[in-house]
Amino acid sequence: MPLFGVINSMHSEKLSISLPVFLVQFIGNYKIAKGWESDSQVIEEALELLQYKELEQAYREASQEVDPAWDVTVADGLSDEAW
């Protein structure tokens, strides 16, 4: 079952989408391989992974931002050996 499937299944909305045949076949095969009951579970898992990927990218970008206070701390004259 998808990561948050149990929690989120209580608050669901129906959605109609069109997909290429090869993706529909993939969904069916993946559902069988995982022993899941519905195509929706496969789509939910895929969307959760996409959300995770986007969040990971946002954290990566945020960690690359320069913090001016950190530059002052690094330049305080203490070497690593002083600790």
PDB file of N, CA and C in Angstrom:
ATOM      1  N   MET A   1       0.845  -1.186   0.000  1.00  0.00           N
ATOM      2  CA  MET A   1       0.000   0.000   0.000  1.00  0.00           C
ATOM      3  C   MET A   1       0.882   1.238   0.000  1.00  0.00           C
ATOM      4  N   PRO A   2       0.473   2.283  -0.684  1.00  0.00           N
ATOM      5  CA  PRO A   2       1.252   3.508  -0.714  1.00  0.00           C
ATOM      6  C   PRO A   2       1.540   4.039   0.686  1.00  0.00           C
ATOM      7  N   LEU A   3       2.561   4.851   0.769  1.00  0.00           N
ATOM      8  CA  LEU A   3       3.059   5.362   2.033  1.00  0.00           C
ATOM      9  C   LEU A   3       1.972   5.938   2.927  1.00  0.00           C
ATOM     10  N   PHE A   4       1.171   6.840   2.425  1.00  0.00           N
ATOM     11  CA  PHE A   4       0.144   7.479   3.227  1.00  0.00           C
ATOM     12  C   PHE A   4      -1.260   6.990   2.867  1.00  0.00           C
ATOM     13  N   GLY A   5      -1.355   5.892   2.187  1.00  0.00           N
ATOM     14  CA  GLY A   5      -2.627   5.398   1.686  1.00  0.00           C
ATOM     15  C   GLY A   5      -3.694   5.198   2.732  1.00  0.00           C
ATOM     16  N   VAL A   6      -3.333   4.650   3.867  1.00  0.00           N
ATOM     17  CA  VAL A   6      -4.315   4.373   4.910  1.00  0.00           C
ATOM     18  C   VAL A   6      -4.884   5.667   5.453  1.00  0.00           C
ATOM     19  N   ILE A   7      -4.041   6.648   5.690  1.00  0.00           N
ATOM     20  CA  ILE A   7      -4.485   7.916   6.256  1.00  0.00           C
ATOM     21  C   ILE A   7      -5.303   8.707   5.245  1.00  0.00           C
ATOM     22  N   ASN A   8      -4.806   8.816   4.023  1.00  0.00           N
ATOM     23  CA  ASN A   8      -5.441   9.666   3.026  1.00  0.00           C
ATOM     24  C   ASN A   8      -6.672   9.050   2.376  1.00  0.00           C
ATOM     25  N   SER A   9      -6.869   7.755   2.506  1.00  0.00           N
ATOM     26  CA  SER A   9      -7.997   7.123   1.828  1.00  0.00           C
ATOM     27  C   SER A   9      -9.336   7.585   2.386  1.00  0.00           C
ATOM     28  N   MET A  10      -9.340   8.145   3.575  1.00  0.00           N
ATOM     29  CA  MET A  10     -10.583   8.622   4.165  1.00  0.00           C
ATOM     30  C   MET A  10     -11.051   9.915   3.504  1.00  0.00           C
ATOM     31  N   HIS A  11     -10.147  10.661   2.894  1.00  0.00           N
ATOM     32  CA  HIS A  11     -10.468  11.949   2.291  1.00  0.00           C
ATOM     33  C   HIS A  11     -10.086  11.912   0.816  1.00  0.00           C
ATOM     34  N   SER A  12     -10.857  11.217   0.029  1.00  0.00           N
ATOM     35  CA  SER A  12     -10.519  11.029  -1.381  1.00  0.00           C
ATOM     36  C   SER A  12     -11.504  11.748  -2.281  1.00  0.00           C
ATOM     37  N   GLU A  13     -11.016  12.111  -3.454  1.00  0.00           N
ATOM     38  CA  GLU A  13     -11.859  12.651  -4.508  1.00  0.00           C
ATOM     39  C   GLU A  13     -11.638  11.829  -5.760  1.00  0.00           C
ATOM     40  N   LYS A  14     -12.676  11.706  -6.552  1.00  0.00           N
ATOM     41  CA  LYS A  14     -12.570  10.963  -7.797  1.00  0.00           C
ATOM     42  C   LYS A  14     -11.973  11.878  -8.864  1.00  0.00           C
ATOM     43  N   LEU A  15     -11.079  11.309  -9.668  1.00  0.00           N
ATOM     44  CA  LEU A  15     -10.392  12.058 -10.709  1.00  0.00           C
ATOM     45  C   LEU A  15     -10.383  11.215 -11.976  1.00  0.00           C
ATOM     46  N   SER A  16     -10.675  11.832 -13.087  1.00  0.00           N
ATOM     47  CA  SER A  16     -10.639  11.132 -14.367  1.00  0.00           C
ATOM     48  C   SER A  16      -9.436  11.642 -15.152  1.00  0.00           C
ATOM     49  N   ILE A  17      -8.545  10.718 -15.564  1.00  0.00           N
ATOM     50  CA  ILE A  17      -7.359  11.107 -16.320  1.00  0.00           C
ATOM     51  C   ILE A  17      -7.225  10.235 -17.563  1.00  0.00           C
ATOM     52  N   SER A  18      -6.528  10.753 -18.545  1.00  0.00           N
ATOM     53  CA  SER A  18      -6.219   9.990 -19.755  1.00  0.00           C
ATOM     54  C   SER A  18      -4.719   9.746 -19.789  1.00  0.00           C
ATOM     55  N   LEU A  19      -4.341   8.499 -20.039  1.00  0.00           N
ATOM     56  CA  LEU A  19      -2.933   8.111 -20.072  1.00  0.00           C
ATOM     57  C   LEU A  19      -2.651   7.286 -21.316  1.00  0.00           C
ATOM     58  N   PRO A  20      -1.407   7.306 -21.777  1.00  0.00           N
ATOM     59  CA  PRO A  20      -1.033   6.424 -22.884  1.00  0.00           C
ATOM     60  C   PRO A  20      -1.198   4.959 -22.467  1.00  0.00           C
ATOM     61  N   VAL A  21      -1.435   4.113 -23.438  1.00  0.00           N
ATOM     62  CA  VAL A  21      -1.675   2.693 -23.185  1.00  0.00           C
ATOM     63  C   VAL A  21      -0.534   2.064 -22.392  1.00  0.00           C
ATOM     64  N   PHE A  22       0.718   2.407 -22.725  1.00  0.00           N
ATOM     65  CA  PHE A  22       1.840   1.772 -22.029  1.00  0.00           C
ATOM     66  C   PHE A  22       1.856   2.110 -20.538  1.00  0.00           C
ATOM     67  N   LEU A  23       1.388   3.317 -20.167  1.00  0.00           N
ATOM     68  CA  LEU A  23       1.333   3.662 -18.745  1.00  0.00           C
ATOM     69  C   LEU A  23       0.197   2.927 -18.037  1.00  0.00           C
ATOM     70  N   VAL A  24      -0.915   2.770 -18.719  1.00  0.00           N
ATOM     71  CA  VAL A  24      -2.032   2.011 -18.145  1.00  0.00           C
ATOM     72  C   VAL A  24      -1.606   0.565 -17.917  1.00  0.00           C
ATOM     73  N   GLN A  25      -0.872   0.002 -18.863  1.00  0.00           N
ATOM     74  CA  GLN A  25      -0.365  -1.364 -18.704  1.00  0.00           C
ATOM     75  C   GLN A  25       0.626  -1.440 -17.543  1.00  0.00           C
ATOM     76  N   PHE A  26       1.483  -0.440 -17.430  1.00  0.00           N
ATOM     77  CA  PHE A  26       2.436  -0.411 -16.321  1.00  0.00           C
ATOM     78  C   PHE A  26       1.701  -0.370 -14.984  1.00  0.00           C
ATOM     79  N   ILE A  27       0.679   0.463 -14.899  1.00  0.00           N
ATOM     80  CA  ILE A  27      -0.103   0.565 -13.660  1.00  0.00           C
ATOM     81  C   ILE A  27      -0.695  -0.789 -13.302  1.00  0.00           C
ATOM     82  N   GLY A  28      -1.284  -1.460 -14.286  1.00  0.00           N
ATOM     83  CA  GLY A  28      -1.870  -2.780 -14.038  1.00  0.00           C
ATOM     84  C   GLY A  28      -0.842  -3.796 -13.588  1.00  0.00           C
ATOM     85  N   ASN A  29       0.296  -3.829 -14.255  1.00  0.00           N
ATOM     86  CA  ASN A  29       1.360  -4.773 -13.887  1.00  0.00           C
ATOM     87  C   ASN A  29       1.927  -4.473 -12.504  1.00  0.00           C
ATOM     88  N   TYR A  30       2.116  -3.199 -12.206  1.00  0.00           N
ATOM     89  CA  TYR A  30       2.669  -2.799 -10.910  1.00  0.00           C
ATOM     90  C   TYR A  30       1.693  -3.144  -9.787  1.00  0.00           C
ATOM     91  N   LYS A  31       0.422  -2.901 -10.040  1.00  0.00           N
ATOM     92  CA  LYS A  31      -0.620  -3.212  -9.054  1.00  0.00           C
ATOM     93  C   LYS A  31      -0.598  -4.699  -8.718  1.00  0.00           C
ATOM     94  N   ILE A  32      -0.506  -5.537  -9.721  1.00  0.00           N
ATOM     95  CA  ILE A  32      -0.464  -6.990  -9.510  1.00  0.00           C
ATOM     96  C   ILE A  32       0.805  -7.379  -8.760  1.00  0.00           C
ATOM     97  N   ALA A  33       1.939  -6.824  -9.177  1.00  0.00           N
ATOM     98  CA  ALA A  33       3.221  -7.155  -8.544  1.00  0.00           C
ATOM     99  C   ALA A  33       3.234  -6.789  -7.065  1.00  0.00           C
ATOM    100  N   LYS A  34       2.579  -5.699  -6.711  1.00  0.00           N
ATOM    101  CA  LYS A  34       2.547  -5.245  -5.317  1.00  0.00           C
ATOM    102  C   LYS A  34       1.399  -5.861  -4.522  1.00  0.00           C
ATOM    103  N   GLY A  35       0.482  -6.515  -5.220  1.00  0.00           N
ATOM    104  CA  GLY A  35      -0.665  -7.106  -4.539  1.00  0.00           C
ATOM    105  C   GLY A  35      -1.682  -6.070  -4.085  1.00  0.00           C
ATOM    106  N   TRP A  36      -1.699  -4.936  -4.761  1.00  0.00           N
ATOM    107  CA  TRP A  36      -2.633  -3.880  -4.401  1.00  0.00           C
ATOM    108  C   TRP A  36      -3.974  -4.133  -5.068  1.00  0.00           C
ATOM    109  N   GLU A  37      -5.011  -3.491  -4.552  1.00  0.00           N
ATOM    110  CA  GLU A  37      -6.368  -3.729  -5.034  1.00  0.00           C
ATOM    111  C   GLU A  37      -6.815  -2.767  -6.130  1.00  0.00           C
ATOM    112  N   SER A  38      -6.192  -1.591  -6.210  1.00  0.00           N
ATOM    113  CA  SER A  38      -6.700  -0.613  -7.173  1.00  0.00           C
ATOM    114  C   SER A  38      -5.580   0.123  -7.903  1.00  0.00           C
ATOM    115  N   ASP A  39      -5.934   0.622  -9.079  1.00  0.00           N
ATOM    116  CA  ASP A  39      -5.013   1.457  -9.848  1.00  0.00           C
ATOM    117  C   ASP A  39      -4.712   2.745  -9.082  1.00  0.00           C
ATOM    118  N   SER A  40      -5.685   3.212  -8.322  1.00  0.00           N
ATOM    119  CA  SER A  40      -5.510   4.444  -7.557  1.00  0.00           C
ATOM    120  C   SER A  40      -4.350   4.340  -6.581  1.00  0.00           C
ATOM    121  N   GLN A  41      -4.138   3.171  -6.024  1.00  0.00           N
ATOM    122  CA  GLN A  41      -3.024   2.990  -5.093  1.00  0.00           C
ATOM    123  C   GLN A  41      -1.685   3.198  -5.803  1.00  0.00           C
ATOM    124  N   VAL A  42      -1.595   2.752  -7.044  1.00  0.00           N
ATOM    125  CA  VAL A  42      -0.365   2.925  -7.824  1.00  0.00           C
ATOM    126  C   VAL A  42      -0.150   4.409  -8.124  1.00  0.00           C
ATOM    127  N   ILE A  43      -1.194   5.089  -8.548  1.00  0.00           N
ATOM    128  CA  ILE A  43      -1.101   6.519  -8.852  1.00  0.00           C
ATOM    129  C   ILE A  43      -0.744   7.294  -7.589  1.00  0.00           C
ATOM    130  N   GLU A  44      -1.358   6.933  -6.466  1.00  0.00           N
ATOM    131  CA  GLU A  44      -1.073   7.602  -5.199  1.00  0.00           C
ATOM    132  C   GLU A  44       0.403   7.442  -4.819  1.00  0.00           C
ATOM    133  N   GLU A  45       0.920   6.242  -4.953  1.00  0.00           N
ATOM    134  CA  GLU A  45       2.329   5.984  -4.646  1.00  0.00           C
ATOM    135  C   GLU A  45       3.236   6.826  -5.544  1.00  0.00           C
ATOM    136  N   ALA A  46       2.913   6.883  -6.830  1.00  0.00           N
ATOM    137  CA  ALA A  46       3.724   7.654  -7.775  1.00  0.00           C
ATOM    138  C   ALA A  46       3.709   9.142  -7.429  1.00  0.00           C
ATOM    139  N   LEU A  47       2.548   9.657  -7.068  1.00  0.00           N
ATOM    140  CA  LEU A  47       2.450  11.072  -6.721  1.00  0.00           C
ATOM    141  C   LEU A  47       3.177  11.385  -5.417  1.00  0.00           C
ATOM    142  N   GLU A  48       3.122  10.468  -4.460  1.00  0.00           N
ATOM    143  CA  GLU A  48       3.857  10.666  -3.207  1.00  0.00           C
ATOM    144  C   GLU A  48       5.364  10.688  -3.462  1.00  0.00           C
ATOM    145  N   LEU A  49       5.835   9.820  -4.349  1.00  0.00           N
ATOM    146  CA  LEU A  49       7.256   9.825  -4.702  1.00  0.00           C
ATOM    147  C   LEU A  49       7.643  11.126  -5.405  1.00  0.00           C
ATOM    148  N   LEU A  50       6.755  11.634  -6.245  1.00  0.00           N
ATOM    149  CA  LEU A  50       7.003  12.904  -6.920  1.00  0.00           C
ATOM    150  C   LEU A  50       7.058  14.048  -5.906  1.00  0.00           C
ATOM    151  N   GLN A  51       6.140  14.037  -4.932  1.00  0.00           N
ATOM    152  CA  GLN A  51       6.170  15.048  -3.872  1.00  0.00           C
ATOM    153  C   GLN A  51       7.481  14.978  -3.101  1.00  0.00           C
ATOM    154  N   TYR A  52       7.910  13.781  -2.760  1.00  0.00           N
ATOM    155  CA  TYR A  52       9.155  13.587  -2.020  1.00  0.00           C
ATOM    156  C   TYR A  52      10.343  14.127  -2.819  1.00  0.00           C
ATOM    157  N   LYS A  53      10.349  13.852  -4.111  1.00  0.00           N
ATOM    158  CA  LYS A  53      11.427  14.328  -4.983  1.00  0.00           C
ATOM    159  C   LYS A  53      11.464  15.852  -5.009  1.00  0.00           C
ATOM    160  N   GLU A  54      10.304  16.483  -5.114  1.00  0.00           N
ATOM    161  CA  GLU A  54      10.232  17.944  -5.132  1.00  0.00           C
ATOM    162  C   GLU A  54      10.689  18.530  -3.797  1.00  0.00           C
ATOM    163  N   LEU A  55      10.292  17.917  -2.688  1.00  0.00           N
ATOM    164  CA  LEU A  55      10.698  18.380  -1.366  1.00  0.00           C
ATOM    165  C   LEU A  55      12.204  18.240  -1.189  1.00  0.00           C
ATOM    166  N   GLU A  56      12.741  17.123  -1.646  1.00  0.00           N
ATOM    167  CA  GLU A  56      14.183  16.894  -1.572  1.00  0.00           C
ATOM    168  C   GLU A  56      14.937  17.974  -2.357  1.00  0.00           C
ATOM    169  N   GLN A  57      14.446  18.324  -3.530  1.00  0.00           N
ATOM    170  CA  GLN A  57      15.065  19.372  -4.345  1.00  0.00           C
ATOM    171  C   GLN A  57      14.983  20.721  -3.635  1.00  0.00           C
ATOM    172  N   ALA A  58      13.856  21.020  -3.008  1.00  0.00           N
ATOM    173  CA  ALA A  58      13.707  22.287  -2.288  1.00  0.00           C
ATOM    174  C   ALA A  58      14.697  22.372  -1.135  1.00  0.00           C
ATOM    175  N   TYR A  59      14.875  21.273  -0.393  1.00  0.00           N
ATOM    176  CA  TYR A  59      15.853  21.253   0.696  1.00  0.00           C
ATOM    177  C   TYR A  59      17.271  21.427   0.146  1.00  0.00           C
ATOM    178  N   ARG A  60      17.553  20.778  -0.968  1.00  0.00           N
ATOM    179  CA  ARG A  60      18.881  20.891  -1.576  1.00  0.00           C
ATOM    180  C   ARG A  60      19.169  22.344  -1.961  1.00  0.00           C
ATOM    181  N   GLU A  61      18.183  23.005  -2.577  1.00  0.00           N
ATOM    182  CA  GLU A  61      18.356  24.402  -2.971  1.00  0.00           C
ATOM    183  C   GLU A  61      18.497  25.305  -1.748  1.00  0.00           C
ATOM    184  N   ALA A  62      17.702  25.056  -0.714  1.00  0.00           N
ATOM    185  CA  ALA A  62      17.772  25.871   0.498  1.00  0.00           C
ATOM    186  C   ALA A  62      19.119  25.722   1.191  1.00  0.00           C
ATOM    187  N   SER A  63      19.687  24.539   1.154  1.00  0.00           N
ATOM    188  CA  SER A  63      20.968  24.320   1.823  1.00  0.00           C
ATOM    189  C   SER A  63      22.117  25.006   1.095  1.00  0.00           C
ATOM    190  N   GLN A  64      21.892  25.389  -0.154  1.00  0.00           N
ATOM    191  CA  GLN A  64      22.937  26.055  -0.927  1.00  0.00           C
ATOM    192  C   GLN A  64      22.902  27.576  -0.782  1.00  0.00           C
ATOM    193  N   GLU A  65      21.847  28.082  -0.130  1.00  0.00           N
ATOM    194  CA  GLU A  65      21.765  29.522   0.076  1.00  0.00           C
ATOM    195  C   GLU A  65      22.826  29.942   1.083  1.00  0.00           C
ATOM    196  N   VAL A  66      23.420  31.091   0.850  1.00  0.00           N
ATOM    197  CA  VAL A  66      24.487  31.580   1.721  1.00  0.00           C
ATOM    198  C   VAL A  66      23.871  32.290   2.923  1.00  0.00           C
ATOM    199  N   ASP A  67      24.351  31.929   4.111  1.00  0.00           N
ATOM    200  CA  ASP A  67      23.911  32.562   5.344  1.00  0.00           C
ATOM    201  C   ASP A  67      25.023  33.501   5.804  1.00  0.00           C
ATOM    202  N   PRO A  68      24.807  34.831   5.740  1.00  0.00           N
ATOM    203  CA  PRO A  68      25.856  35.787   6.112  1.00  0.00           C
ATOM    204  C   PRO A  68      26.364  35.584   7.544  1.00  0.00           C
ATOM    205  N   ALA A  69      25.518  35.207   8.463  1.00  0.00           N
ATOM    206  CA  ALA A  69      25.942  34.980   9.846  1.00  0.00           C
ATOM    207  C   ALA A  69      26.930  33.818   9.919  1.00  0.00           C
ATOM    208  N   TRP A  70      26.767  32.837   9.050  1.00  0.00           N
ATOM    209  CA  TRP A  70      27.695  31.697   9.050  1.00  0.00           C
ATOM    210  C   TRP A  70      29.087  32.142   8.613  1.00  0.00           C
ATOM    211  N   ASP A  71      29.160  33.032   7.627  1.00  0.00           N
ATOM    212  CA  ASP A  71      30.458  33.538   7.175  1.00  0.00           C
ATOM    213  C   ASP A  71      31.201  34.237   8.312  1.00  0.00           C
ATOM    214  N   VAL A  72      30.487  34.997   9.143  1.00  0.00           N
ATOM    215  CA  VAL A  72      31.099  35.670  10.290  1.00  0.00           C
ATOM    216  C   VAL A  72      31.610  34.637  11.283  1.00  0.00           C
ATOM    217  N   THR A  73      30.826  33.615  11.538  1.00  0.00           N
ATOM    218  CA  THR A  73      31.212  32.572  12.486  1.00  0.00           C
ATOM    219  C   THR A  73      32.444  31.826  12.002  1.00  0.00           C
ATOM    220  N   VAL A  74      32.493  31.515  10.750  1.00  0.00           N
ATOM    221  CA  VAL A  74      33.623  30.779  10.191  1.00  0.00           C
ATOM    222  C   VAL A  74      34.898  31.617  10.264  1.00  0.00           C
ATOM    223  N   ALA A  75      34.758  32.924  10.118  1.00  0.00           N
ATOM    224  CA  ALA A  75      35.918  33.809  10.094  1.00  0.00           C
ATOM    225  C   ALA A  75      36.273  34.356  11.481  1.00  0.00           C
ATOM    226  N   ASP A  76      35.835  33.717  12.559  1.00  0.00           N
ATOM    227  CA  ASP A  76      36.072  34.245  13.906  1.00  0.00           C
ATOM    228  C   ASP A  76      37.492  34.031  14.407  1.00  0.00           C
ATOM    229  N   GLY A  77      38.320  33.355  13.631  1.00  0.00           N
ATOM    230  CA  GLY A  77      39.716  33.183  13.988  1.00  0.00           C
ATOM    231  C   GLY A  77      40.021  31.911  14.735  1.00  0.00           C
ATOM    232  N   LEU A  78      39.025  31.163  15.122  1.00  0.00           N
ATOM    233  CA  LEU A  78      39.270  29.902  15.823  1.00  0.00           C
ATOM    234  C   LEU A  78      39.490  28.792  14.808  1.00  0.00           C
ATOM    235  N   SER A  79      40.485  28.008  15.048  1.00  0.00           N
ATOM    236  CA  SER A  79      40.715  26.868  14.165  1.00  0.00           C
ATOM    237  C   SER A  79      39.954  25.665  14.701  1.00  0.00           C
ATOM    238  N   ASP A  80      39.824  24.652  13.880  1.00  0.00           N
ATOM    239  CA  ASP A  80      39.145  23.429  14.311  1.00  0.00           C
ATOM    240  C   ASP A  80      39.840  22.804  15.509  1.00  0.00           C
ATOM    241  N   GLU A  81      41.157  22.975  15.595  1.00  0.00           N
ATOM    242  CA  GLU A  81      41.918  22.368  16.683  1.00  0.00           C
ATOM    243  C   GLU A  81      41.587  23.001  18.028  1.00  0.00           C
ATOM    244  N   ALA A  82      41.079  24.254  18.016  1.00  0.00           N
ATOM    245  CA  ALA A  82      40.758  24.942  19.267  1.00  0.00           C
ATOM    246  C   ALA A  82      39.576  24.298  19.973  1.00  0.00           C
ATOM    247  N   TRP A  83      38.801  23.551  19.265  1.00  0.00           N
ATOM    248  CA  TRP A  83      37.634  22.910  19.859  1.00  0.00           C
ATOM    249  C   TRP A  83      38.059  21.606  20.415  1.00  0.00           C
TER     250      TRP A  83
END
